[in-house]
Amino acid sequence: MNHIVTVQEAVTAFADWNEPTDAELDAIESEMPLILADVDLIDAQIIAMDRTPNELDTRRVRRALARVLAEQVKLINRAAGTATAGGAA
């Protein structure tokens, strides 16, 4: 008869190492607007794929894509240490 042995000690021995650090959590927090914009874009794309897209679906996808691009610019500018002045250069 084979005995079933638990491996909980081996699995949970490194549990503290698997947790994200404060720096990683801060990075996730700073990227959260971009993540949420990506989710909205995916939702808009799914809605458009679920049926024959109409003008409203096209606008929804276009607006969501514009929001993703704007959030990417904000994130890049934040990472570079610059702020947008709100005008074209």
Protein backbone atom coordinates (compact mmCIF):
# COMPACT_ATOMS: atom_id res chain seq x y z
CA MET A 1 0.00 0.00 0.00
CA ASN A 2 1.33 3.43 -0.95
CA HIS A 3 0.98 6.17 1.62
CA ILE A 4 -0.04 9.63 0.56
CA VAL A 5 2.39 12.15 1.94
CA THR A 6 1.55 15.81 2.17
CA VAL A 7 3.99 18.29 0.77
CA GLN A 8 2.52 21.28 2.53
CA GLU A 9 5.73 22.03 4.39
CA ALA A 10 7.73 22.05 1.17
CA VAL A 11 5.15 24.18 -0.63
CA THR A 12 4.56 26.71 2.14
CA ALA A 13 8.19 26.92 3.18
CA PHE A 14 8.75 29.61 0.54
CA ALA A 15 5.42 31.39 0.89
CA ASP A 16 7.03 34.55 2.28
CA TRP A 17 9.24 34.74 -0.78
CA ASN A 18 6.27 34.55 -3.13
CA GLU A 19 4.63 37.72 -1.81
CA PRO A 20 5.11 40.92 -3.80
CA THR A 21 7.39 43.53 -2.30
CA ASP A 22 6.25 47.03 -1.42
CA ALA A 23 8.03 48.36 -4.51
CA GLU A 24 6.18 45.87 -6.73
CA LEU A 25 2.85 46.81 -5.15
CA ASP A 26 3.64 50.51 -5.71
CA ALA A 27 4.45 49.78 -9.36
CA ILE A 28 1.15 47.95 -9.78
CA GLU A 29 -0.69 50.82 -8.11
CA SER A 30 0.91 53.36 -10.45
CA GLU A 31 -0.02 51.22 -13.47
CA MET A 32 -3.61 50.61 -12.31
CA PRO A 33 -5.19 53.35 -14.51
CA LEU A 34 -3.57 51.77 -17.58
CA ILE A 35 -4.68 48.30 -16.49
CA LEU A 36 -8.27 49.50 -16.05
CA ALA A 37 -8.17 51.26 -19.43
CA ASP A 38 -6.95 48.00 -21.03
CA VAL A 39 -9.84 46.15 -19.38
CA ASP A 40 -12.31 48.69 -20.77
CA LEU A 41 -10.79 48.31 -24.24
CA ILE A 42 -11.07 44.53 -24.07
CA ASP A 43 -14.69 44.83 -22.90
CA ALA A 44 -15.50 47.14 -25.80
CA GLN A 45 -13.83 44.77 -28.26
CA ILE A 46 -15.74 41.79 -26.86
CA ILE A 47 -19.03 43.66 -27.18
CA ALA A 48 -18.19 44.55 -30.78
CA MET A 49 -17.25 40.94 -31.58
CA ASP A 50 -20.38 39.54 -29.95
CA ARG A 51 -22.63 41.02 -32.61
CA THR A 52 -22.47 42.95 -35.85
CA PRO A 53 -20.70 46.16 -34.83
CA ASN A 54 -22.65 49.37 -35.25
CA GLU A 55 -21.55 53.00 -35.03
CA LEU A 56 -21.88 53.03 -31.24
CA ASP A 57 -19.61 49.98 -30.91
CA THR A 58 -17.04 51.62 -33.19
CA ARG A 59 -17.06 54.78 -31.07
CA ARG A 60 -16.82 52.77 -27.87
CA VAL A 61 -13.74 50.90 -29.10
CA ARG A 62 -12.17 54.10 -30.44
CA ARG A 63 -12.76 55.93 -27.11
CA ALA A 64 -11.37 53.00 -25.12
CA LEU A 65 -8.28 52.84 -27.35
CA ALA A 66 -7.75 56.60 -26.96
CA ARG A 67 -7.97 56.19 -23.18
CA VAL A 68 -5.39 53.37 -23.25
CA LEU A 69 -3.03 55.50 -25.32
CA ALA A 70 -3.51 58.50 -23.01
CA GLU A 71 -2.81 56.39 -19.93
CA GLN A 72 0.32 54.98 -21.58
CA VAL A 73 1.57 58.51 -22.26
CA LYS A 74 0.88 59.52 -18.65
CA LEU A 75 2.72 56.47 -17.36
CA ILE A 76 5.70 57.03 -19.64
CA ASN A 77 5.88 60.70 -18.68
CA ARG A 78 5.68 59.81 -14.99
CA ALA A 79 8.45 57.27 -15.40
CA ALA A 80 10.59 59.82 -17.25
CA GLY A 81 9.97 62.38 -14.52
CA THR A 82 8.26 64.88 -16.76
CA ALA A 83 4.75 66.23 -16.72
CA THR A 84 2.64 67.06 -19.73
CA ALA A 85 1.90 70.77 -20.13
CA GLY A 86 -1.31 70.07 -22.01
CA GLY A 87 -0.31 71.45 -25.38
CA ALA A 88 1.42 70.39 -28.53
CA ALA A 89 5.13 71.03 -28.64
